[in-house]
PDB file of N, CA and C in Angstrom:
ATOM      1  N   MET A   1      23.016  23.080  67.087  1.00  0.00           N
ATOM      2  CA  MET A   1      22.440  22.600  68.336  1.00  0.00           C
ATOM      3  C   MET A   1      23.571  22.102  69.227  1.00  0.00           C
ATOM      4  N   ALA A   2      23.263  21.812  70.456  1.00  0.00           N
ATOM      5  CA  ALA A   2      24.239  21.397  71.456  1.00  0.00           C
ATOM      6  C   ALA A   2      24.796  20.012  71.168  1.00  0.00           C
ATOM      7  N   ASN A   3      25.959  19.732  71.748  1.00  0.00           N
ATOM      8  CA  ASN A   3      26.565  18.407  71.622  1.00  0.00           C
ATOM      9  C   ASN A   3      26.061  17.455  72.691  1.00  0.00           C
ATOM     10  N   THR A   4      25.616  17.982  73.830  1.00  0.00           N
ATOM     11  CA  THR A   4      25.048  17.160  74.901  1.00  0.00           C
ATOM     12  C   THR A   4      23.854  17.895  75.488  1.00  0.00           C
ATOM     13  N   ILE A   5      23.016  17.132  76.162  1.00  0.00           N
ATOM     14  CA  ILE A   5      21.847  17.737  76.812  1.00  0.00           C
ATOM     15  C   ILE A   5      21.495  16.904  78.034  1.00  0.00           C
ATOM     16  N   THR A   6      21.165  17.562  79.127  1.00  0.00           N
ATOM     17  CA  THR A   6      20.709  16.895  80.337  1.00  0.00           C
ATOM     18  C   THR A   6      19.272  17.326  80.593  1.00  0.00           C
ATOM     19  N   PRO A   7      18.339  16.381  80.559  1.00  0.00           N
ATOM     20  CA  PRO A   7      16.946  16.744  80.829  1.00  0.00           C
ATOM     21  C   PRO A   7      16.789  17.243  82.269  1.00  0.00           C
ATOM     22  N   LEU A   8      15.809  18.084  82.493  1.00  0.00           N
ATOM     23  CA  LEU A   8      15.544  18.606  83.830  1.00  0.00           C
ATOM     24  C   LEU A   8      14.351  17.895  84.443  1.00  0.00           C
ATOM     25  N   GLY A   9      14.296  17.919  85.757  1.00  0.00           N
ATOM     26  CA  GLY A   9      13.162  17.350  86.484  1.00  0.00           C
ATOM     27  C   GLY A   9      12.977  15.868  86.220  1.00  0.00           C
ATOM     28  N   ARG A  10      11.718  15.455  86.021  1.00  0.00           N
ATOM     29  CA  ARG A  10      11.378  14.049  85.798  1.00  0.00           C
ATOM     30  C   ARG A  10      11.299  13.729  84.310  1.00  0.00           C
ATOM     31  N   ARG A  11      12.098  14.415  83.508  1.00  0.00           N
ATOM     32  CA  ARG A  11      12.103  14.164  82.068  1.00  0.00           C
ATOM     33  C   ARG A  11      13.171  13.134  81.713  1.00  0.00           C
ATOM     34  N   VAL A  12      12.959  12.499  80.565  1.00  0.00           N
ATOM     35  CA  VAL A  12      13.850  11.437  80.107  1.00  0.00           C
ATOM     36  C   VAL A  12      14.200  11.713  78.647  1.00  0.00           C
ATOM     37  N   LEU A  13      15.470  11.551  78.299  1.00  0.00           N
ATOM     38  CA  LEU A  13      15.924  11.696  76.925  1.00  0.00           C
ATOM     39  C   LEU A  13      15.965  10.311  76.300  1.00  0.00           C
ATOM     40  N   VAL A  14      15.248  10.127  75.186  1.00  0.00           N
ATOM     41  CA  VAL A  14      15.185   8.818  74.530  1.00  0.00           C
ATOM     42  C   VAL A  14      15.495   8.955  73.048  1.00  0.00           C
ATOM     43  N   LYS A  15      15.910   7.843  72.454  1.00  0.00           N
ATOM     44  CA  LYS A  15      16.147   7.772  71.018  1.00  0.00           C
ATOM     45  C   LYS A  15      15.197   6.730  70.457  1.00  0.00           C
ATOM     46  N   ARG A  16      14.346   7.150  69.524  1.00  0.00           N
ATOM     47  CA  ARG A  16      13.393   6.221  68.913  1.00  0.00           C
ATOM     48  C   ARG A  16      14.133   5.138  68.135  1.00  0.00           C
ATOM     49  N   SER A  17      13.586   3.918  68.151  1.00  0.00           N
ATOM     50  CA  SER A  17      14.107   2.832  67.332  1.00  0.00           C
ATOM     51  C   SER A  17      13.741   3.110  65.887  1.00  0.00           C
ATOM     52  N   LEU A  18      14.532   2.590  64.973  1.00  0.00           N
ATOM     53  CA  LEU A  18      14.236   2.775  63.553  1.00  0.00           C
ATOM     54  C   LEU A  18      13.010   1.967  63.186  1.00  0.00           C
ATOM     55  N   SER A  19      12.132   2.561  62.384  1.00  0.00           N
ATOM     56  CA  SER A  19      10.930   1.859  61.958  1.00  0.00           C
ATOM     57  C   SER A  19      11.231   1.034  60.705  1.00  0.00           C
ATOM     58  N   GLU A  20      10.397   0.058  60.481  1.00  0.00           N
ATOM     59  CA  GLU A  20      10.539  -0.794  59.297  1.00  0.00           C
ATOM     60  C   GLU A  20      10.319   0.023  58.035  1.00  0.00           C
ATOM     61  N   GLU A  21      11.158  -0.185  57.044  1.00  0.00           N
ATOM     62  CA  GLU A  21      11.008   0.512  55.773  1.00  0.00           C
ATOM     63  C   GLU A  21      10.251  -0.327  54.755  1.00  0.00           C
ATOM     64  N   LYS A  22      10.037  -1.599  55.060  1.00  0.00           N
ATOM     65  CA  LYS A  22       9.401  -2.492  54.101  1.00  0.00           C
ATOM     66  C   LYS A  22       8.256  -3.233  54.789  1.00  0.00           C
ATOM     67  N   THR A  23       7.133  -3.370  54.095  1.00  0.00           N
ATOM     68  CA  THR A  23       5.987  -4.090  54.643  1.00  0.00           C
ATOM     69  C   THR A  23       6.220  -5.590  54.542  1.00  0.00           C
ATOM     70  N   ALA A  24       5.343  -6.363  55.164  1.00  0.00           N
ATOM     71  CA  ALA A  24       5.451  -7.817  55.105  1.00  0.00           C
ATOM     72  C   ALA A  24       5.344  -8.321  53.669  1.00  0.00           C
ATOM     73  N   GLY A  25       4.642  -7.589  52.820  1.00  0.00           N
ATOM     74  CA  GLY A  25       4.481  -7.971  51.414  1.00  0.00           C
ATOM     75  C   GLY A  25       5.645  -7.542  50.535  1.00  0.00           C
ATOM     76  N   GLY A  26       6.647  -6.858  51.116  1.00  0.00           N
ATOM     77  CA  GLY A  26       7.831  -6.460  50.362  1.00  0.00           C
ATOM     78  C   GLY A  26       7.764  -5.069  49.764  1.00  0.00           C
ATOM     79  N   ILE A  27       6.759  -4.271  50.127  1.00  0.00           N
ATOM     80  CA  ILE A  27       6.623  -2.917  49.599  1.00  0.00           C
ATOM     81  C   ILE A  27       7.417  -1.958  50.477  1.00  0.00           C
ATOM     82  N   PHE A  28       8.271  -1.136  49.854  1.00  0.00           N
ATOM     83  CA  PHE A  28       9.044  -0.155  50.593  1.00  0.00           C
ATOM     84  C   PHE A  28       8.209   1.094  50.822  1.00  0.00           C
ATOM     85  N   LEU A  29       8.219   1.596  52.063  1.00  0.00           N
ATOM     86  CA  LEU A  29       7.418   2.759  52.437  1.00  0.00           C
ATOM     87  C   LEU A  29       8.262   4.027  52.418  1.00  0.00           C
ATOM     88  N   PRO A  30       7.725   5.118  51.871  1.00  0.00           N
ATOM     89  CA  PRO A  30       8.438   6.397  51.971  1.00  0.00           C
ATOM     90  C   PRO A  30       8.319   6.931  53.399  1.00  0.00           C
ATOM     91  N   ASP A  31       9.203   7.856  53.756  1.00  0.00           N
ATOM     92  CA  ASP A  31       9.198   8.417  55.113  1.00  0.00           C
ATOM     93  C   ASP A  31       7.852   9.015  55.497  1.00  0.00           C
ATOM     94  N   THR A  32       7.154   9.603  54.548  1.00  0.00           N
ATOM     95  CA  THR A  32       5.878  10.257  54.857  1.00  0.00           C
ATOM     96  C   THR A  32       4.781   9.263  55.198  1.00  0.00           C
ATOM     97  N   ALA A  33       4.934   8.005  54.798  1.00  0.00           N
ATOM     98  CA  ALA A  33       3.904   6.997  55.056  1.00  0.00           C
ATOM     99  C   ALA A  33       4.167   6.199  56.325  1.00  0.00           C
ATOM    100  N   LYS A  34       5.336   6.379  56.921  1.00  0.00           N
ATOM    101  CA  LYS A  34       5.687   5.608  58.117  1.00  0.00           C
ATOM    102  C   LYS A  34       5.111   6.242  59.366  1.00  0.00           C
ATOM    103  N   GLU A  35       4.699   5.396  60.305  1.00  0.00           N
ATOM    104  CA  GLU A  35       4.289   5.888  61.621  1.00  0.00           C
ATOM    105  C   GLU A  35       5.529   6.072  62.473  1.00  0.00           C
ATOM    106  N   LYS A  36       5.441   6.982  63.435  1.00  0.00           N
ATOM    107  CA  LYS A  36       6.552   7.155  64.358  1.00  0.00           C
ATOM    108  C   LYS A  36       6.644   5.918  65.232  1.00  0.00           C
ATOM    109  N   PRO A  37       7.836   5.359  65.376  1.00  0.00           N
ATOM    110  CA  PRO A  37       7.956   4.175  66.228  1.00  0.00           C
ATOM    111  C   PRO A  37       7.699   4.512  67.685  1.00  0.00           C
ATOM    112  N   GLN A  38       7.104   3.562  68.399  1.00  0.00           N
ATOM    113  CA  GLN A  38       6.832   3.772  69.820  1.00  0.00           C
ATOM    114  C   GLN A  38       7.909   3.153  70.695  1.00  0.00           C
ATOM    115  N   GLU A  39       8.818   2.403  70.103  1.00  0.00           N
ATOM    116  CA  GLU A  39       9.910   1.821  70.879  1.00  0.00           C
ATOM    117  C   GLU A  39      11.078   2.793  70.883  1.00  0.00           C
ATOM    118  N   ALA A  40      11.739   2.898  72.052  1.00  0.00           N
ATOM    119  CA  ALA A  40      12.861   3.819  72.184  1.00  0.00           C
ATOM    120  C   ALA A  40      13.837   3.289  73.225  1.00  0.00           C
ATOM    121  N   GLU A  41      15.023   3.878  73.219  1.00  0.00           N
ATOM    122  CA  GLU A  41      16.038   3.536  74.221  1.00  0.00           C
ATOM    123  C   GLU A  41      16.293   4.767  75.084  1.00  0.00           C
ATOM    124  N   VAL A  42      16.382   4.561  76.401  1.00  0.00           N
ATOM    125  CA  VAL A  42      16.648   5.656  77.335  1.00  0.00           C
ATOM    126  C   VAL A  42      18.122   6.047  77.206  1.00  0.00           C
ATOM    127  N   ILE A  43      18.364   7.319  76.888  1.00  0.00           N
ATOM    128  CA  ILE A  43      19.715   7.841  76.722  1.00  0.00           C
ATOM    129  C   ILE A  43      20.197   8.531  78.003  1.00  0.00           C
ATOM    130  N   ALA A  44      19.306   9.308  78.639  1.00  0.00           N
ATOM    131  CA  ALA A  44      19.678  10.039  79.857  1.00  0.00           C
ATOM    132  C   ALA A  44      18.435  10.319  80.693  1.00  0.00           C
ATOM    133  N   LEU A  45      18.647  10.428  81.991  1.00  0.00           N
ATOM    134  CA  LEU A  45      17.573  10.764  82.927  1.00  0.00           C
ATOM    135  C   LEU A  45      17.723  12.205  83.374  1.00  0.00           C
ATOM    136  N   GLY A  46      16.620  12.807  83.779  1.00  0.00           N
ATOM    137  CA  GLY A  46      16.627  14.185  84.241  1.00  0.00           C
ATOM    138  C   GLY A  46      17.349  14.356  85.559  1.00  0.00           C
ATOM    139  N   THR A  47      17.370  15.578  86.017  1.00  0.00           N
ATOM    140  CA  THR A  47      18.057  15.907  87.260  1.00  0.00           C
ATOM    141  C   THR A  47      17.336  15.351  88.473  1.00  0.00           C
ATOM    142  N   GLY A  48      16.060  14.997  88.308  1.00  0.00           N
ATOM    143  CA  GLY A  48      15.321  14.361  89.389  1.00  0.00           C
ATOM    144  C   GLY A  48      14.886  15.284  90.493  1.00  0.00           C
ATOM    145  N   LYS A  49      14.673  16.525  90.177  1.00  0.00           N
ATOM    146  CA  LYS A  49      14.179  17.474  91.179  1.00  0.00           C
ATOM    147  C   LYS A  49      12.691  17.725  90.932  1.00  0.00           C
ATOM    148  N   ASP A  50      11.910  17.744  92.015  1.00  0.00           N
ATOM    149  CA  ASP A  50      10.495  18.061  91.850  1.00  0.00           C
ATOM    150  C   ASP A  50      10.310  19.576  91.878  1.00  0.00           C
ATOM    151  N   ASP A  51       9.076  20.037  91.875  1.00  0.00           N
ATOM    152  CA  ASP A  51       8.787  21.473  91.823  1.00  0.00           C
ATOM    153  C   ASP A  51       9.304  22.221  93.046  1.00  0.00           C
ATOM    154  N   GLU A  52       9.478  21.533  94.149  1.00  0.00           N
ATOM    155  CA  GLU A  52       9.957  22.178  95.377  1.00  0.00           C
ATOM    156  C   GLU A  52      11.457  22.023  95.562  1.00  0.00           C
ATOM    157  N   GLY A  53      12.147  21.425  94.578  1.00  0.00           N
ATOM    158  CA  GLY A  53      13.593  21.269  94.658  1.00  0.00           C
ATOM    159  C   GLY A  53      14.056  20.021  95.379  1.00  0.00           C
ATOM    160  N   LYS A  54      13.127  19.151  95.789  1.00  0.00           N
ATOM    161  CA  LYS A  54      13.503  17.923  96.484  1.00  0.00           C
ATOM    162  C   LYS A  54      14.046  16.906  95.487  1.00  0.00           C
ATOM    163  N   ASP A  55      15.063  16.145  95.915  1.00  0.00           N
ATOM    164  CA  ASP A  55      15.673  15.129  95.058  1.00  0.00           C
ATOM    165  C   ASP A  55      14.752  13.919  94.979  1.00  0.00           C
ATOM    166  N   VAL A  56      14.351  13.564  93.759  1.00  0.00           N
ATOM    167  CA  VAL A  56      13.481  12.414  93.554  1.00  0.00           C
ATOM    168  C   VAL A  56      14.091  11.428  92.551  1.00  0.00           C
ATOM    169  N   THR A  57      15.442  11.430  92.448  1.00  0.00           N
ATOM    170  CA  THR A  57      16.103  10.553  91.481  1.00  0.00           C
ATOM    171  C   THR A  57      15.832   9.085  91.770  1.00  0.00           C
ATOM    172  N   THR A  58      15.599   8.737  93.025  1.00  0.00           N
ATOM    173  CA  THR A  58      15.334   7.335  93.360  1.00  0.00           C
ATOM    174  C   THR A  58      13.947   6.906  92.901  1.00  0.00           C
ATOM    175  N   LEU A  59      13.104   7.856  92.493  1.00  0.00           N
ATOM    176  CA  LEU A  59      11.753   7.539  92.068  1.00  0.00           C
ATOM    177  C   LEU A  59      11.652   7.209  90.577  1.00  0.00           C
ATOM    178  N   PHE A  60      12.751   7.381  89.812  1.00  0.00           N
ATOM    179  CA  PHE A  60      12.723   7.019  88.393  1.00  0.00           C
ATOM    180  C   PHE A  60      12.505   5.519  88.266  1.00  0.00           C
ATOM    181  N   THR A  61      11.584   5.137  87.403  1.00  0.00           N
ATOM    182  CA  THR A  61      11.282   3.731  87.163  1.00  0.00           C
ATOM    183  C   THR A  61      12.223   3.141  86.127  1.00  0.00           C
ATOM    184  N   VAL A  62      12.713   3.967  85.221  1.00  0.00           N
ATOM    185  CA  VAL A  62      13.593   3.501  84.150  1.00  0.00           C
ATOM    186  C   VAL A  62      15.034   3.880  84.456  1.00  0.00           C
ATOM    187  N   LYS A  63      15.943   3.258  83.717  1.00  0.00           N
ATOM    188  CA  LYS A  63      17.359   3.603  83.849  1.00  0.00           C
ATOM    189  C   LYS A  63      17.972   3.709  82.460  1.00  0.00           C
ATOM    190  N   LYS A  64      19.137   4.303  82.377  1.00  0.00           N
ATOM    191  CA  LYS A  64      19.824   4.480  81.108  1.00  0.00           C
ATOM    192  C   LYS A  64      20.032   3.119  80.445  1.00  0.00           C
ATOM    193  N   GLY A  65      19.718   3.043  79.148  1.00  0.00           N
ATOM    194  CA  GLY A  65      19.880   1.804  78.404  1.00  0.00           C
ATOM    195  C   GLY A  65      18.624   0.960  78.300  1.00  0.00           C
ATOM    196  N   ASP A  66      17.585   1.265  79.106  1.00  0.00           N
ATOM    197  CA  ASP A  66      16.325   0.509  79.035  1.00  0.00           C
ATOM    198  C   ASP A  66      15.655   0.715  77.684  1.00  0.00           C
ATOM    199  N   LYS A  67      15.057  -0.342  77.172  1.00  0.00           N
ATOM    200  CA  LYS A  67      14.207  -0.254  75.977  1.00  0.00           C
ATOM    201  C   LYS A  67      12.786  -0.034  76.493  1.00  0.00           C
ATOM    202  N   VAL A  68      12.142   1.013  75.999  1.00  0.00           N
ATOM    203  CA  VAL A  68      10.832   1.391  76.530  1.00  0.00           C
ATOM    204  C   VAL A  68       9.819   1.584  75.412  1.00  0.00           C
ATOM    205  N   LEU A  69       8.554   1.560  75.799  1.00  0.00           N
ATOM    206  CA  LEU A  69       7.443   1.851  74.913  1.00  0.00           C
ATOM    207  C   LEU A  69       6.931   3.233  75.299  1.00  0.00           C
ATOM    208  N   ILE A  70       6.885   4.157  74.333  1.00  0.00           N
ATOM    209  CA  ILE A  70       6.494   5.531  74.626  1.00  0.00           C
ATOM    210  C   ILE A  70       5.204   5.883  73.896  1.00  0.00           C
ATOM    211  N   SER A  71       4.525   6.921  74.389  1.00  0.00           N
ATOM    212  CA  SER A  71       3.306   7.370  73.717  1.00  0.00           C
ATOM    213  C   SER A  71       3.681   7.963  72.356  1.00  0.00           C
ATOM    214  N   LYS A  72       2.754   7.872  71.410  1.00  0.00           N
ATOM    215  CA  LYS A  72       3.048   8.268  70.027  1.00  0.00           C
ATOM    216  C   LYS A  72       3.371   9.748  69.865  1.00  0.00           C
ATOM    217  N   TYR A  73       2.627  10.605  70.517  1.00  0.00           N
ATOM    218  CA  TYR A  73       2.747  12.023  70.217  1.00  0.00           C
ATOM    219  C   TYR A  73       3.273  12.861  71.378  1.00  0.00           C
ATOM    220  N   GLY A  74       3.807  12.240  72.403  1.00  0.00           N
ATOM    221  CA  GLY A  74       4.317  12.992  73.541  1.00  0.00           C
ATOM    222  C   GLY A  74       5.738  13.479  73.299  1.00  0.00           C
ATOM    223  N   GLY A  75       6.164  14.411  74.101  1.00  0.00           N
ATOM    224  CA  GLY A  75       7.549  14.845  74.094  1.00  0.00           C
ATOM    225  C   GLY A  75       7.879  15.947  73.105  1.00  0.00           C
ATOM    226  N   THR A  76       9.145  16.325  73.153  1.00  0.00           N
ATOM    227  CA  THR A  76       9.679  17.374  72.296  1.00  0.00           C
ATOM    228  C   THR A  76      10.880  16.821  71.544  1.00  0.00           C
ATOM    229  N   GLU A  77      10.850  16.929  70.220  1.00  0.00           N
ATOM    230  CA  GLU A  77      11.956  16.426  69.414  1.00  0.00           C
ATOM    231  C   GLU A  77      13.106  17.420  69.450  1.00  0.00           C
ATOM    232  N   VAL A  78      14.343  16.907  69.637  1.00  0.00           N
ATOM    233  CA  VAL A  78      15.546  17.728  69.649  1.00  0.00           C
ATOM    234  C   VAL A  78      16.623  17.025  68.818  1.00  0.00           C
ATOM    235  N   LYS A  79      17.576  17.802  68.333  1.00  0.00           N
ATOM    236  CA  LYS A  79      18.700  17.246  67.589  1.00  0.00           C
ATOM    237  C   LYS A  79      19.943  17.492  68.431  1.00  0.00           C
ATOM    238  N   VAL A  80      20.636  16.414  68.796  1.00  0.00           N
ATOM    239  CA  VAL A  80      21.831  16.511  69.623  1.00  0.00           C
ATOM    240  C   VAL A  80      22.948  15.757  68.920  1.00  0.00           C
ATOM    241  N   ALA A  81      24.015  16.450  68.600  1.00  0.00           N
ATOM    242  CA  ALA A  81      25.178  15.860  67.933  1.00  0.00           C
ATOM    243  C   ALA A  81      24.765  15.058  66.704  1.00  0.00           C
ATOM    244  N   GLY A  82      23.814  15.585  65.941  1.00  0.00           N
ATOM    245  CA  GLY A  82      23.377  14.933  64.715  1.00  0.00           C
ATOM    246  C   GLY A  82      22.345  13.840  64.888  1.00  0.00           C
ATOM    247  N   ASP A  83      21.999  13.478  66.124  1.00  0.00           N
ATOM    248  CA  ASP A  83      20.991  12.450  66.384  1.00  0.00           C
ATOM    249  C   ASP A  83      19.639  13.093  66.672  1.00  0.00           C
ATOM    250  N   ASP A  84      18.578  12.498  66.141  1.00  0.00           N
ATOM    251  CA  ASP A  84      17.224  12.950  66.451  1.00  0.00           C
ATOM    252  C   ASP A  84      16.771  12.250  67.721  1.00  0.00           C
ATOM    253  N   LEU A  85      16.579  13.027  68.792  1.00  0.00           N
ATOM    254  CA  LEU A  85      16.197  12.495  70.093  1.00  0.00           C
ATOM    255  C   LEU A  85      14.872  13.107  70.520  1.00  0.00           C
ATOM    256  N   LEU A  86      14.359  12.618  71.634  1.00  0.00           N
ATOM    257  CA  LEU A  86      13.072  13.062  72.141  1.00  0.00           C
ATOM    258  C   LEU A  86      13.181  13.242  73.649  1.00  0.00           C
ATOM    259  N   ILE A  87      12.730  14.382  74.153  1.00  0.00           N
ATOM    260  CA  ILE A  87      12.653  14.607  75.595  1.00  0.00           C
ATOM    261  C   ILE A  87      11.193  14.419  75.991  1.00  0.00           C
ATOM    262  N   ILE A  88      10.951  13.461  76.894  1.00  0.00           N
ATOM    263  CA  ILE A  88       9.583  13.173  77.324  1.00  0.00           C
ATOM    264  C   ILE A  88       9.517  13.174  78.848  1.00  0.00           C
ATOM    265  N   ASN A  89       8.325  13.374  79.372  1.00  0.00           N
ATOM    266  CA  ASN A  89       8.109  13.190  80.806  1.00  0.00           C
ATOM    267  C   ASN A  89       8.122  11.697  81.084  1.00  0.00           C
ATOM    268  N   GLU A  90       8.564  11.317  82.240  1.00  0.00           N
ATOM    269  CA  GLU A  90       8.579   9.888  82.569  1.00  0.00           C
ATOM    270  C   GLU A  90       7.167   9.303  82.486  1.00  0.00           C
ATOM    271  N   THR A  91       6.166  10.110  82.699  1.00  0.00           N
ATOM    272  CA  THR A  91       4.785   9.626  82.625  1.00  0.00           C
ATOM    273  C   THR A  91       4.364   9.271  81.200  1.00  0.00           C
ATOM    274  N   ASP A  92       5.134   9.728  80.184  1.00  0.00           N
ATOM    275  CA  ASP A  92       4.859   9.365  78.794  1.00  0.00           C
ATOM    276  C   ASP A  92       5.449   8.006  78.421  1.00  0.00           C
ATOM    277  N   ILE A  93       6.165   7.388  79.350  1.00  0.00           N
ATOM    278  CA  ILE A  93       6.689   6.044  79.114  1.00  0.00           C
ATOM    279  C   ILE A  93       5.614   5.058  79.551  1.00  0.00           C
ATOM    280  N   LEU A  94       5.182   4.232  78.600  1.00  0.00           N
ATOM    281  CA  LEU A  94       4.073   3.320  78.857  1.00  0.00           C
ATOM    282  C   LEU A  94       4.532   1.999  79.478  1.00  0.00           C
ATOM    283  N   GLY A  95       5.780   1.616  79.226  1.00  0.00           N
ATOM    284  CA  GLY A  95       6.269   0.366  79.793  1.00  0.00           C
ATOM    285  C   GLY A  95       7.721   0.128  79.408  1.00  0.00           C
ATOM    286  N   ILE A  96       8.345  -0.810  80.121  1.00  0.00           N
ATOM    287  CA  ILE A  96       9.706  -1.225  79.844  1.00  0.00           C
ATOM    288  C   ILE A  96       9.641  -2.544  79.079  1.00  0.00           C
ATOM    289  N   LEU A  97      10.326  -2.587  77.934  1.00  0.00           N
ATOM    290  CA  LEU A  97      10.318  -3.795  77.107  1.00  0.00           C
ATOM    291  C   LEU A  97      11.367  -4.771  77.626  1.00  0.00           C
ATOM    292  N   GLY A  98      10.994  -6.049  77.684  1.00  0.00           N
ATOM    293  CA  GLY A  98      11.914  -7.038  78.238  1.00  0.00           C
ATOM    294  C   GLY A  98      12.446  -8.009  77.275  1.00  0.00           C
TER     295      GLY A  98
END
């Protein structure tokens, strides 16, 4: 796979936060039993062009480095330079964590 990737349009490249491997009771969970984490960090923003080619980069609500809450099943998983990342539409971002 590629070493770098730039999302197109109003898409955002994010990296999911690591999920807890142990429950509050001290039980370790296998990977198959874990839910996908909804917290992620914004890695890169898209080119910011709409369908007509107009620049809409100023309309992005998030910025690189923001911690965000994303929908559980949205986006496309990609592997970039050994990291598991996710390309999502900005509309799949539910909120910015503070």
